[in-house]
Amino acid sequence: MIRTVGEDALLVEPADPAEVGALYRWLRERQAEGELPAVEEIVPAARTVLLDGATDLPALTALLRSARPTAADTAPGPLLEVPAVYDGADLAEVAALWDVSPEAAVRIHTEPEYVVAFCGFAPGFGYLTGLPQRYEVPRRATPRSSVPAGSVALAGPYTGVYPRSSPGGWQLLGRTGLDLWDADREPAALLAPGVRVRFTAVRGDRG
C-alpha cells in the first residue's frame, strides 16, 4: 500500500512487514545508482518506509508500484561487532523465561546475526531483528526510571542497546562500552538501518 503524506512524501506499507528491510535497502541502492526520483529522506519503521521530500510523486509512485524487492536482491549492510558483558539485572529472569541457564541464554543471544530494522526512541538507538521468534520476551511490567548507557536489552521481537542513560522498560541482558552515538563523529550513529550486528560475550570491563 502506498499513501501520500502531505505534499511531498509517500508512505509505503508492504503486505508483509518482513519486506520493509528489503525495500529500504533496495531504495537506498537505487538512490546510490541515481535511479530513484529525488527524495530528501528514506526512513524505515516497523511496518512502513517513508520517503520524504520527494520532488516527483508520480514518478516515485510508479517506481514503487513496479518494485518487488526481496532480501536476495539487495547487498548486505556493513557488520558491527558489539562486545558485551552479560551481567544484566534481568539475565536470570530472561533465562527462566527461556527455560535455560543464564550461560545458555548468553549463547542463545550471541548466536544470531542481527540487522538494524529501524531507529528511534533516542538518537543512536536501533531496533535489531534476528532473534528467533520463540525467544521473544515481554517488556517489564514496571519500567526503570534510569537504564545505564550501553545496556543490551530485549523487548518483544527486538534487541536494542541504549546509547545513553534514559528511562526504559526492556529486559537488561548486559552492557557494552561502545559509544553508539557521538554527535561529533561521522557517522554519529554506529547503528543505522541495514547494519548487521554480532554480539560477542566478553568478561569484566572489556565491554
N, C-alpha and C. Protein backbone atom coordinates (compact mmCIF):
# COMPACT_ATOMS: atom_id res chain seq x y z
N MET A 1 0.84 -1.18 0.00
CA MET A 1 0.00 0.00 0.00
C MET A 1 0.88 1.24 0.00
N ILE A 2 0.52 2.21 -0.85
CA ILE A 2 1.27 3.46 -0.96
C ILE A 2 0.32 4.61 -0.66
N ARG A 3 0.70 5.44 0.29
CA ARG A 3 -0.14 6.56 0.69
C ARG A 3 0.63 7.87 0.53
N THR A 4 -0.07 8.91 0.10
CA THR A 4 0.52 10.24 0.04
C THR A 4 0.46 10.87 1.43
N VAL A 5 1.56 11.47 1.84
CA VAL A 5 1.64 12.14 3.14
C VAL A 5 2.01 13.60 2.89
N GLY A 6 1.06 14.49 3.10
CA GLY A 6 1.32 15.90 2.82
C GLY A 6 1.52 16.13 1.33
N GLU A 7 2.35 17.09 1.01
CA GLU A 7 2.55 17.48 -0.39
C GLU A 7 3.77 16.84 -1.04
N ASP A 8 4.69 16.29 -0.24
CA ASP A 8 5.94 15.82 -0.84
C ASP A 8 6.48 14.55 -0.20
N ALA A 9 5.58 13.67 0.26
CA ALA A 9 6.06 12.44 0.88
C ALA A 9 5.13 11.28 0.56
N LEU A 10 5.70 10.08 0.56
CA LEU A 10 4.94 8.85 0.37
C LEU A 10 5.25 7.90 1.52
N LEU A 11 4.22 7.19 1.96
CA LEU A 11 4.37 6.17 2.99
C LEU A 11 4.03 4.83 2.37
N VAL A 12 5.00 3.91 2.38
CA VAL A 12 4.82 2.59 1.78
C VAL A 12 4.66 1.56 2.90
N GLU A 13 3.61 0.76 2.81
CA GLU A 13 3.36 -0.30 3.79
C GLU A 13 3.30 -1.63 3.06
N PRO A 14 4.40 -2.39 3.06
CA PRO A 14 4.40 -3.70 2.39
C PRO A 14 3.37 -4.63 3.02
N ALA A 15 2.88 -5.56 2.22
CA ALA A 15 1.90 -6.52 2.73
C ALA A 15 2.50 -7.37 3.86
N ASP A 16 3.78 -7.66 3.76
CA ASP A 16 4.47 -8.43 4.78
C ASP A 16 5.49 -7.52 5.47
N PRO A 17 5.35 -7.28 6.79
CA PRO A 17 6.30 -6.41 7.48
C PRO A 17 7.76 -6.85 7.31
N ALA A 18 7.98 -8.13 7.06
CA ALA A 18 9.34 -8.63 6.88
C ALA A 18 9.99 -8.06 5.63
N GLU A 19 9.19 -7.49 4.71
CA GLU A 19 9.71 -6.93 3.47
C GLU A 19 10.23 -5.51 3.64
N VAL A 20 9.99 -4.89 4.80
CA VAL A 20 10.38 -3.50 4.99
C VAL A 20 11.88 -3.32 4.80
N GLY A 21 12.67 -4.18 5.42
CA GLY A 21 14.11 -4.05 5.33
C GLY A 21 14.62 -4.18 3.90
N ALA A 22 14.08 -5.14 3.16
CA ALA A 22 14.50 -5.33 1.77
C ALA A 22 14.13 -4.12 0.93
N LEU A 23 12.92 -3.58 1.16
CA LEU A 23 12.50 -2.40 0.40
C LEU A 23 13.40 -1.22 0.72
N TYR A 24 13.73 -1.00 1.98
CA TYR A 24 14.60 0.11 2.36
C TYR A 24 15.96 -0.01 1.68
N ARG A 25 16.57 -1.19 1.75
CA ARG A 25 17.89 -1.36 1.14
C ARG A 25 17.82 -1.20 -0.37
N TRP A 26 16.75 -1.70 -0.99
CA TRP A 26 16.58 -1.57 -2.43
C TRP A 26 16.46 -0.10 -2.83
N LEU A 27 15.72 0.67 -2.06
CA LEU A 27 15.57 2.10 -2.35
C LEU A 27 16.90 2.83 -2.20
N ARG A 28 17.67 2.49 -1.15
CA ARG A 28 18.96 3.14 -0.97
C ARG A 28 19.92 2.79 -2.10
N GLU A 29 19.85 1.56 -2.59
CA GLU A 29 20.70 1.18 -3.71
C GLU A 29 20.30 1.93 -4.98
N ARG A 30 18.98 2.04 -5.22
CA ARG A 30 18.52 2.79 -6.38
C ARG A 30 18.94 4.26 -6.27
N GLN A 31 18.89 4.79 -5.05
CA GLN A 31 19.30 6.18 -4.83
C GLN A 31 20.78 6.35 -5.13
N ALA A 32 21.60 5.41 -4.66
CA ALA A 32 23.04 5.49 -4.89
C ALA A 32 23.39 5.39 -6.37
N GLU A 33 22.57 4.65 -7.13
CA GLU A 33 22.80 4.48 -8.57
C GLU A 33 22.18 5.60 -9.40
N GLY A 34 21.50 6.55 -8.74
CA GLY A 34 20.86 7.65 -9.46
C GLY A 34 19.58 7.24 -10.16
N GLU A 35 18.99 6.12 -9.73
CA GLU A 35 17.78 5.60 -10.38
C GLU A 35 16.51 5.92 -9.60
N LEU A 36 16.63 6.64 -8.49
CA LEU A 36 15.49 6.97 -7.66
C LEU A 36 15.15 8.44 -7.82
N PRO A 37 13.89 8.77 -8.15
CA PRO A 37 13.50 10.18 -8.17
C PRO A 37 13.89 10.84 -6.85
N ALA A 38 14.28 12.10 -6.92
CA ALA A 38 14.87 12.78 -5.77
C ALA A 38 13.97 12.75 -4.53
N VAL A 39 14.56 12.35 -3.42
CA VAL A 39 13.91 12.42 -2.11
C VAL A 39 14.95 12.90 -1.11
N GLU A 40 14.49 13.55 -0.04
CA GLU A 40 15.41 14.03 0.98
C GLU A 40 15.74 12.95 2.00
N GLU A 41 14.76 12.14 2.36
CA GLU A 41 14.99 11.12 3.39
C GLU A 41 14.23 9.84 3.06
N ILE A 42 14.83 8.72 3.42
CA ILE A 42 14.17 7.41 3.36
C ILE A 42 14.22 6.85 4.78
N VAL A 43 13.06 6.69 5.39
CA VAL A 43 13.00 6.36 6.82
C VAL A 43 12.20 5.08 7.03
N PRO A 44 12.86 3.97 7.38
CA PRO A 44 12.13 2.73 7.68
C PRO A 44 11.57 2.75 9.10
N ALA A 45 10.48 2.02 9.30
CA ALA A 45 9.91 1.81 10.63
C ALA A 45 9.57 0.33 10.75
N ALA A 46 8.77 -0.03 11.74
CA ALA A 46 8.47 -1.44 11.95
C ALA A 46 7.70 -2.05 10.79
N ARG A 47 6.78 -1.28 10.20
CA ARG A 47 5.93 -1.82 9.14
C ARG A 47 5.87 -0.94 7.89
N THR A 48 6.56 0.18 7.89
CA THR A 48 6.46 1.13 6.79
C THR A 48 7.82 1.69 6.41
N VAL A 49 7.86 2.31 5.22
CA VAL A 49 9.01 3.10 4.79
C VAL A 49 8.48 4.44 4.31
N LEU A 50 9.02 5.52 4.88
CA LEU A 50 8.61 6.88 4.50
C LEU A 50 9.65 7.46 3.55
N LEU A 51 9.18 8.00 2.44
CA LEU A 51 10.05 8.73 1.52
C LEU A 51 9.62 10.19 1.58
N ASP A 52 10.45 11.01 2.20
CA ASP A 52 10.10 12.40 2.48
C ASP A 52 10.89 13.35 1.58
N GLY A 53 10.27 14.49 1.28
CA GLY A 53 10.95 15.48 0.45
C GLY A 53 11.06 15.07 -1.00
N ALA A 54 10.02 14.39 -1.51
CA ALA A 54 10.03 13.94 -2.91
C ALA A 54 9.69 15.10 -3.83
N THR A 55 10.36 15.17 -4.97
CA THR A 55 10.10 16.23 -5.94
C THR A 55 9.19 15.80 -7.08
N ASP A 56 9.02 14.48 -7.27
CA ASP A 56 8.19 13.97 -8.36
C ASP A 56 7.41 12.77 -7.84
N LEU A 57 6.28 13.03 -7.19
CA LEU A 57 5.50 11.96 -6.58
C LEU A 57 4.99 10.95 -7.62
N PRO A 58 4.49 11.37 -8.79
CA PRO A 58 4.03 10.37 -9.76
C PRO A 58 5.13 9.40 -10.19
N ALA A 59 6.32 9.91 -10.47
CA ALA A 59 7.41 9.04 -10.89
C ALA A 59 7.83 8.10 -9.76
N LEU A 60 7.86 8.63 -8.55
CA LEU A 60 8.24 7.82 -7.41
C LEU A 60 7.19 6.73 -7.15
N THR A 61 5.93 7.09 -7.28
CA THR A 61 4.85 6.12 -7.09
C THR A 61 4.93 5.01 -8.13
N ALA A 62 5.19 5.38 -9.38
CA ALA A 62 5.30 4.37 -10.44
C ALA A 62 6.43 3.40 -10.16
N LEU A 63 7.57 3.92 -9.70
CA LEU A 63 8.70 3.05 -9.39
C LEU A 63 8.35 2.10 -8.25
N LEU A 64 7.69 2.62 -7.24
CA LEU A 64 7.33 1.80 -6.08
C LEU A 64 6.32 0.71 -6.46
N ARG A 65 5.40 1.03 -7.33
CA ARG A 65 4.40 0.04 -7.73
C ARG A 65 5.01 -1.09 -8.55
N SER A 66 6.11 -0.82 -9.20
CA SER A 66 6.76 -1.86 -10.01
C SER A 66 7.80 -2.64 -9.23
N ALA A 67 8.14 -2.17 -8.02
CA ALA A 67 9.22 -2.79 -7.24
C ALA A 67 8.73 -4.01 -6.49
N ARG A 68 9.49 -5.07 -6.55
CA ARG A 68 9.21 -6.28 -5.77
C ARG A 68 10.51 -6.79 -5.15
N PRO A 69 11.19 -5.95 -4.38
CA PRO A 69 12.50 -6.36 -3.85
C PRO A 69 12.37 -7.43 -2.77
N THR A 70 13.36 -8.31 -2.73
CA THR A 70 13.47 -9.30 -1.66
C THR A 70 14.86 -9.17 -1.06
N ALA A 71 15.07 -9.84 0.06
CA ALA A 71 16.39 -9.78 0.71
C ALA A 71 17.49 -10.26 -0.23
N ALA A 72 17.16 -11.20 -1.13
CA ALA A 72 18.16 -11.73 -2.04
C ALA A 72 18.56 -10.72 -3.11
N ASP A 73 17.73 -9.68 -3.30
CA ASP A 73 18.00 -8.68 -4.33
C ASP A 73 18.91 -7.57 -3.85
N THR A 74 19.22 -7.52 -2.56
CA THR A 74 19.96 -6.40 -2.02
C THR A 74 21.25 -6.87 -1.35
N ALA A 75 22.25 -6.01 -1.39
CA ALA A 75 23.53 -6.33 -0.77
C ALA A 75 23.41 -6.22 0.74
N PRO A 76 24.10 -7.09 1.49
CA PRO A 76 24.06 -6.98 2.95
C PRO A 76 24.73 -5.70 3.42
N GLY A 77 24.27 -5.19 4.56
CA GLY A 77 24.87 -4.00 5.13
C GLY A 77 26.19 -4.29 5.81
N PRO A 78 26.87 -3.26 6.29
CA PRO A 78 28.14 -3.46 6.99
C PRO A 78 27.92 -4.20 8.31
N LEU A 79 28.98 -4.85 8.79
CA LEU A 79 28.89 -5.64 10.02
C LEU A 79 29.55 -4.88 11.16
N LEU A 80 28.84 -4.80 12.29
CA LEU A 80 29.37 -4.17 13.50
C LEU A 80 29.47 -5.23 14.59
N GLU A 81 30.67 -5.42 15.13
CA GLU A 81 30.88 -6.33 16.26
C GLU A 81 30.65 -5.56 17.55
N VAL A 82 29.80 -6.11 18.43
CA VAL A 82 29.49 -5.46 19.70
C VAL A 82 29.93 -6.35 20.85
N PRO A 83 31.05 -6.04 21.49
CA PRO A 83 31.46 -6.82 22.67
C PRO A 83 30.55 -6.47 23.84
N ALA A 84 30.07 -7.47 24.56
CA ALA A 84 29.12 -7.22 25.64
C ALA A 84 29.46 -8.07 26.85
N VAL A 85 29.37 -7.46 28.02
CA VAL A 85 29.48 -8.18 29.28
C VAL A 85 28.06 -8.57 29.69
N TYR A 86 27.80 -9.85 29.77
CA TYR A 86 26.44 -10.32 30.05
C TYR A 86 26.25 -10.49 31.57
N ASP A 87 26.00 -9.36 32.22
CA ASP A 87 25.76 -9.35 33.66
C ASP A 87 24.53 -8.50 33.99
N GLY A 88 23.58 -8.43 33.06
CA GLY A 88 22.42 -7.57 33.22
C GLY A 88 21.49 -8.00 34.34
N ALA A 89 20.76 -7.03 34.87
CA ALA A 89 19.87 -7.27 36.00
C ALA A 89 18.77 -8.28 35.69
N ASP A 90 18.43 -8.44 34.40
CA ASP A 90 17.31 -9.32 34.04
C ASP A 90 17.76 -10.60 33.35
N LEU A 91 19.07 -10.84 33.32
CA LEU A 91 19.56 -12.03 32.62
C LEU A 91 18.95 -13.31 33.18
N ALA A 92 18.93 -13.45 34.50
CA ALA A 92 18.39 -14.67 35.11
C ALA A 92 16.90 -14.81 34.81
N GLU A 93 16.18 -13.69 34.82
CA GLU A 93 14.74 -13.75 34.54
C GLU A 93 14.48 -14.15 33.09
N VAL A 94 15.27 -13.60 32.16
CA VAL A 94 15.12 -13.96 30.75
C VAL A 94 15.46 -15.44 30.57
N ALA A 95 16.52 -15.90 31.21
CA ALA A 95 16.90 -17.32 31.12
C ALA A 95 15.77 -18.20 31.62
N ALA A 96 15.10 -17.79 32.69
CA ALA A 96 13.98 -18.57 33.21
C ALA A 96 12.82 -18.60 32.23
N LEU A 97 12.56 -17.48 31.57
CA LEU A 97 11.51 -17.44 30.56
C LEU A 97 11.83 -18.37 29.39
N TRP A 98 13.11 -18.51 29.09
CA TRP A 98 13.54 -19.40 28.01
C TRP A 98 13.74 -20.84 28.49
N ASP A 99 13.62 -21.03 29.80
CA ASP A 99 13.81 -22.35 30.41
C ASP A 99 15.21 -22.89 30.15
N VAL A 100 16.20 -22.01 30.32
CA VAL A 100 17.60 -22.41 30.16
C VAL A 100 18.41 -21.77 31.29
N SER A 101 19.67 -22.11 31.39
CA SER A 101 20.56 -21.48 32.36
C SER A 101 20.98 -20.10 31.84
N PRO A 102 21.45 -19.21 32.73
CA PRO A 102 21.96 -17.92 32.25
C PRO A 102 23.08 -18.07 31.23
N GLU A 103 23.95 -19.06 31.42
CA GLU A 103 25.03 -19.28 30.45
C GLU A 103 24.48 -19.66 29.08
N ALA A 104 23.44 -20.48 29.07
CA ALA A 104 22.82 -20.86 27.80
C ALA A 104 22.09 -19.68 27.17
N ALA A 105 21.51 -18.82 28.01
CA ALA A 105 20.84 -17.63 27.49
C ALA A 105 21.83 -16.73 26.76
N VAL A 106 23.03 -16.61 27.30
CA VAL A 106 24.06 -15.81 26.64
C VAL A 106 24.40 -16.43 25.28
N ARG A 107 24.54 -17.74 25.23
CA ARG A 107 24.85 -18.39 23.95
C ARG A 107 23.72 -18.17 22.96
N ILE A 108 22.48 -18.23 23.42
CA ILE A 108 21.33 -18.01 22.53
C ILE A 108 21.37 -16.61 21.96
N HIS A 109 21.70 -15.64 22.82
CA HIS A 109 21.67 -14.25 22.35
C HIS A 109 22.84 -13.90 21.43
N THR A 110 23.98 -14.54 21.62
CA THR A 110 25.14 -14.22 20.79
C THR A 110 25.20 -15.04 19.51
N GLU A 111 24.33 -16.00 19.36
CA GLU A 111 24.39 -16.87 18.17
C GLU A 111 23.93 -16.18 16.88
N PRO A 112 22.81 -15.42 16.87
CA PRO A 112 22.33 -14.88 15.60
C PRO A 112 23.17 -13.72 15.08
N GLU A 113 23.03 -13.46 13.80
CA GLU A 113 23.47 -12.19 13.22
C GLU A 113 22.23 -11.32 13.13
N TYR A 114 22.28 -10.15 13.75
CA TYR A 114 21.13 -9.25 13.80
C TYR A 114 21.24 -8.22 12.67
N VAL A 115 20.10 -7.58 12.39
CA VAL A 115 20.06 -6.49 11.42
C VAL A 115 19.27 -5.34 12.05
N VAL A 116 19.78 -4.12 11.91
CA VAL A 116 19.05 -2.95 12.39
C VAL A 116 17.86 -2.73 11.45
N ALA A 117 16.65 -2.95 11.96
CA ALA A 117 15.45 -2.78 11.13
C ALA A 117 15.10 -1.31 10.97
N PHE A 118 15.19 -0.56 12.06
CA PHE A 118 14.90 0.87 12.03
C PHE A 118 15.45 1.48 13.30
N CYS A 119 15.43 2.81 13.37
CA CYS A 119 15.96 3.53 14.53
C CYS A 119 14.86 4.42 15.11
N GLY A 120 15.02 4.76 16.38
CA GLY A 120 14.04 5.61 17.03
C GLY A 120 14.26 5.63 18.52
N PHE A 121 13.30 6.18 19.24
CA PHE A 121 13.30 6.27 20.70
C PHE A 121 14.31 7.30 21.19
N ALA A 122 15.56 7.19 20.76
CA ALA A 122 16.63 8.12 21.14
C ALA A 122 17.67 8.10 20.03
N PRO A 123 18.43 9.19 19.85
CA PRO A 123 19.48 9.19 18.83
C PRO A 123 20.44 8.03 19.03
N GLY A 124 20.63 7.26 17.97
CA GLY A 124 21.55 6.13 18.02
C GLY A 124 20.94 4.83 18.48
N PHE A 125 19.64 4.82 18.81
CA PHE A 125 19.00 3.58 19.27
C PHE A 125 18.45 2.83 18.06
N GLY A 126 18.94 1.59 17.87
CA GLY A 126 18.48 0.76 16.76
C GLY A 126 17.64 -0.39 17.25
N TYR A 127 16.61 -0.72 16.50
CA TYR A 127 15.76 -1.89 16.78
C TYR A 127 16.30 -3.05 15.94
N LEU A 128 16.91 -4.03 16.60
CA LEU A 128 17.60 -5.12 15.93
C LEU A 128 16.71 -6.36 15.86
N THR A 129 16.59 -6.91 14.65
CA THR A 129 15.87 -8.16 14.46
C THR A 129 16.87 -9.28 14.21
N GLY A 130 16.45 -10.51 14.45
CA GLY A 130 17.31 -11.66 14.20
C GLY A 130 17.17 -12.75 15.23
N LEU A 131 16.70 -12.40 16.44
CA LEU A 131 16.48 -13.42 17.45
C LEU A 131 15.25 -14.24 17.07
N PRO A 132 15.33 -15.57 17.10
CA PRO A 132 14.17 -16.38 16.72
C PRO A 132 12.92 -16.02 17.53
N GLN A 133 11.77 -16.15 16.89
CA GLN A 133 10.51 -15.73 17.50
C GLN A 133 10.24 -16.40 18.84
N ARG A 134 10.69 -17.63 19.00
CA ARG A 134 10.40 -18.34 20.26
C ARG A 134 11.10 -17.70 21.46
N TYR A 135 12.04 -16.81 21.21
CA TYR A 135 12.75 -16.16 22.31
C TYR A 135 12.25 -14.73 22.59
N GLU A 136 11.15 -14.35 22.02
CA GLU A 136 10.58 -13.04 22.33
C GLU A 136 10.19 -12.98 23.81
N VAL A 137 10.46 -11.84 24.44
CA VAL A 137 10.11 -11.66 25.85
C VAL A 137 9.33 -10.36 26.01
N PRO A 138 8.45 -10.28 27.01
CA PRO A 138 7.68 -9.06 27.21
C PRO A 138 8.52 -7.95 27.83
N ARG A 139 8.07 -6.72 27.66
CA ARG A 139 8.66 -5.62 28.39
C ARG A 139 8.41 -5.81 29.88
N ARG A 140 9.19 -5.16 30.70
CA ARG A 140 8.97 -5.22 32.13
C ARG A 140 7.65 -4.55 32.51
N ALA A 141 6.96 -5.11 33.49
CA ALA A 141 5.68 -4.55 33.91
C ALA A 141 5.84 -3.13 34.44
N THR A 142 6.97 -2.87 35.10
CA THR A 142 7.26 -1.53 35.61
C THR A 142 8.58 -1.06 35.02
N PRO A 143 8.56 -0.05 34.15
CA PRO A 143 9.81 0.43 33.56
C PRO A 143 10.75 1.01 34.62
N ARG A 144 12.03 0.94 34.35
CA ARG A 144 13.02 1.57 35.21
C ARG A 144 13.07 3.07 34.93
N SER A 145 13.33 3.84 35.96
CA SER A 145 13.45 5.29 35.77
C SER A 145 14.75 5.67 35.09
N SER A 146 15.77 4.78 35.18
CA SER A 146 17.05 5.05 34.54
C SER A 146 17.72 3.75 34.15
N VAL A 147 18.02 3.62 32.86
CA VAL A 147 18.78 2.47 32.34
C VAL A 147 20.15 2.99 31.92
N PRO A 148 21.24 2.37 32.37
CA PRO A 148 22.57 2.88 32.04
C PRO A 148 22.87 2.85 30.54
N ALA A 149 23.65 3.82 30.11
CA ALA A 149 24.12 3.84 28.72
C ALA A 149 24.88 2.56 28.41
N GLY A 150 24.69 2.03 27.22
CA GLY A 150 25.38 0.81 26.80
C GLY A 150 24.66 -0.47 27.17
N SER A 151 23.51 -0.37 27.84
CA SER A 151 22.78 -1.57 28.24
C SER A 151 22.26 -2.32 27.02
N VAL A 152 22.51 -3.63 26.98
CA VAL A 152 22.00 -4.52 25.93
C VAL A 152 20.69 -5.11 26.45
N ALA A 153 19.61 -4.97 25.69
CA ALA A 153 18.30 -5.29 26.22
C ALA A 153 17.41 -5.95 25.18
N LEU A 154 16.34 -6.58 25.67
CA LEU A 154 15.35 -7.26 24.83
C LEU A 154 13.96 -6.74 25.15
N ALA A 155 13.10 -6.72 24.13
CA ALA A 155 11.68 -6.47 24.32
C ALA A 155 10.95 -6.94 23.07
N GLY A 156 9.96 -7.82 23.24
CA GLY A 156 9.24 -8.33 22.08
C GLY A 156 10.20 -9.00 21.11
N PRO A 157 10.11 -8.67 19.82
CA PRO A 157 10.99 -9.31 18.84
C PRO A 157 12.35 -8.62 18.68
N TYR A 158 12.61 -7.57 19.46
CA TYR A 158 13.77 -6.73 19.22
C TYR A 158 14.84 -6.84 20.30
N THR A 159 16.09 -6.67 19.86
CA THR A 159 17.22 -6.41 20.74
C THR A 159 17.61 -4.95 20.53
N GLY A 160 18.04 -4.29 21.59
CA GLY A 160 18.47 -2.91 21.47
C GLY A 160 19.63 -2.64 22.41
N VAL A 161 20.35 -1.55 22.15
CA VAL A 161 21.43 -1.09 23.01
C VAL A 161 21.16 0.37 23.32
N TYR A 162 21.02 0.70 24.60
CA TYR A 162 20.73 2.08 25.00
C TYR A 162 21.96 2.95 24.75
N PRO A 163 21.85 3.96 23.88
CA PRO A 163 23.02 4.80 23.58
C PRO A 163 23.34 5.80 24.68
N ARG A 164 22.37 6.07 25.55
CA ARG A 164 22.58 6.99 26.66
C ARG A 164 21.68 6.57 27.81
N SER A 165 21.94 7.07 29.00
CA SER A 165 21.10 6.76 30.14
C SER A 165 19.71 7.37 29.94
N SER A 166 18.67 6.54 30.15
CA SER A 166 17.31 7.01 29.95
C SER A 166 16.34 6.06 30.63
N PRO A 167 15.10 6.46 30.84
CA PRO A 167 14.11 5.51 31.33
C PRO A 167 13.91 4.40 30.31
N GLY A 168 13.48 3.22 30.77
CA GLY A 168 13.26 2.12 29.83
C GLY A 168 12.63 0.92 30.49
N GLY A 169 11.89 0.18 29.70
CA GLY A 169 11.19 -0.99 30.22
C GLY A 169 11.64 -2.30 29.60
N TRP A 170 12.78 -2.29 28.90
CA TRP A 170 13.26 -3.51 28.27
C TRP A 170 14.00 -4.37 29.29
N GLN A 171 14.13 -5.66 28.96
CA GLN A 171 14.82 -6.62 29.82
C GLN A 171 16.33 -6.49 29.59
N LEU A 172 17.09 -6.25 30.66
CA LEU A 172 18.52 -5.98 30.55
C LEU A 172 19.35 -7.26 30.63
N LEU A 173 20.09 -7.54 29.54
CA LEU A 173 20.95 -8.72 29.49
C LEU A 173 22.39 -8.43 29.86
N GLY A 174 22.87 -7.24 29.52
CA GLY A 174 24.27 -6.93 29.75
C GLY A 174 24.58 -5.51 29.35
N ARG A 175 25.86 -5.27 28.98
CA ARG A 175 26.28 -3.91 28.68
C ARG A 175 27.47 -3.94 27.72
N THR A 176 27.62 -2.87 26.97
CA THR A 176 28.77 -2.72 26.08
C THR A 176 29.38 -1.35 26.31
N GLY A 177 30.68 -1.26 26.07
CA GLY A 177 31.38 0.01 26.21
C GLY A 177 31.41 0.81 24.91
N LEU A 178 30.85 0.27 23.83
CA LEU A 178 30.84 1.00 22.56
C LEU A 178 30.06 2.30 22.70
N ASP A 179 30.59 3.36 22.13
CA ASP A 179 29.89 4.65 22.12
C ASP A 179 29.02 4.68 20.87
N LEU A 180 27.74 4.36 21.04
CA LEU A 180 26.85 4.20 19.89
C LEU A 180 26.43 5.52 19.27
N TRP A 181 26.52 6.61 20.02
CA TRP A 181 26.10 7.91 19.47
C TRP A 181 27.10 8.97 19.88
N ASP A 182 27.66 9.66 18.90
CA ASP A 182 28.60 10.75 19.15
C ASP A 182 28.35 11.81 18.08
N ALA A 183 27.75 12.92 18.49
CA ALA A 183 27.38 13.96 17.53
C ALA A 183 28.59 14.55 16.81
N ASP A 184 29.79 14.40 17.39
CA ASP A 184 31.00 14.95 16.77
C ASP A 184 31.69 13.94 15.86
N ARG A 185 31.09 12.76 15.70
CA ARG A 185 31.69 11.70 14.88
C ARG A 185 30.92 11.59 13.56
N GLU A 186 31.58 11.09 12.55
CA GLU A 186 30.91 10.84 11.26
C GLU A 186 31.10 9.38 10.87
N PRO A 187 30.03 8.56 10.86
CA PRO A 187 28.67 8.95 11.21
C PRO A 187 28.47 9.03 12.73
N ALA A 188 27.51 9.82 13.15
CA ALA A 188 27.26 9.98 14.58
C ALA A 188 26.75 8.69 15.20
N ALA A 189 25.94 7.94 14.46
CA ALA A 189 25.34 6.70 14.98
C ALA A 189 26.05 5.49 14.39
N LEU A 190 26.46 4.56 15.25
CA LEU A 190 27.03 3.31 14.76
C LEU A 190 25.95 2.37 14.22
N LEU A 191 24.74 2.47 14.78
CA LEU A 191 23.63 1.63 14.35
C LEU A 191 22.73 2.43 13.42
N ALA A 192 22.60 1.96 12.20
CA ALA A 192 21.74 2.59 11.20
C ALA A 192 20.98 1.48 10.49
N PRO A 193 19.83 1.77 9.91
CA PRO A 193 19.07 0.72 9.22
C PRO A 193 19.93 -0.05 8.22
N GLY A 194 19.85 -1.38 8.29
CA GLY A 194 20.60 -2.24 7.39
C GLY A 194 21.91 -2.73 7.95
N VAL A 195 22.44 -2.09 8.99
CA VAL A 195 23.70 -2.55 9.59
C VAL A 195 23.50 -3.91 10.24
N ARG A 196 24.41 -4.83 9.99
CA ARG A 196 24.39 -6.15 10.62
C ARG A 196 25.17 -6.08 11.93
N VAL A 197 24.71 -6.82 12.93
CA VAL A 197 25.31 -6.75 14.26
C VAL A 197 25.56 -8.15 14.80
N ARG A 198 26.75 -8.35 15.34
CA ARG A 198 27.08 -9.59 16.07
C ARG A 198 27.48 -9.21 17.48
N PHE A 199 26.85 -9.84 18.47
CA PHE A 199 27.23 -9.64 19.87
C PHE A 199 28.24 -10.71 20.26
N THR A 200 29.28 -10.28 20.98
CA THR A 200 30.31 -11.18 21.44
C THR A 200 30.40 -11.07 22.96
N ALA A 201 30.31 -12.18 23.66
CA ALA A 201 30.40 -12.16 25.11
C ALA A 201 31.86 -11.99 25.55
N VAL A 202 32.09 -11.00 26.41
CA VAL A 202 33.42 -10.77 26.97
C VAL A 202 33.31 -10.69 28.48
N ARG A 203 34.45 -10.69 29.16
CA ARG A 203 34.45 -10.70 30.61
C ARG A 203 34.75 -9.30 31.18
N GLY A 204 34.32 -9.10 32.41
CA GLY A 204 34.69 -7.90 33.15
C GLY A 204 34.32 -6.62 32.45
N ASP A 205 35.27 -5.67 32.43
CA ASP A 205 35.02 -4.33 31.88
C ASP A 205 35.40 -4.23 30.42
N ARG A 206 35.63 -5.35 29.75
CA ARG A 206 36.05 -5.29 28.36
C ARG A 206 34.93 -4.86 27.43
N GLY A 207 33.66 -4.84 27.88
CA GLY A 207 32.57 -4.42 27.02
C GLY A 207 32.69 -2.97 26.64
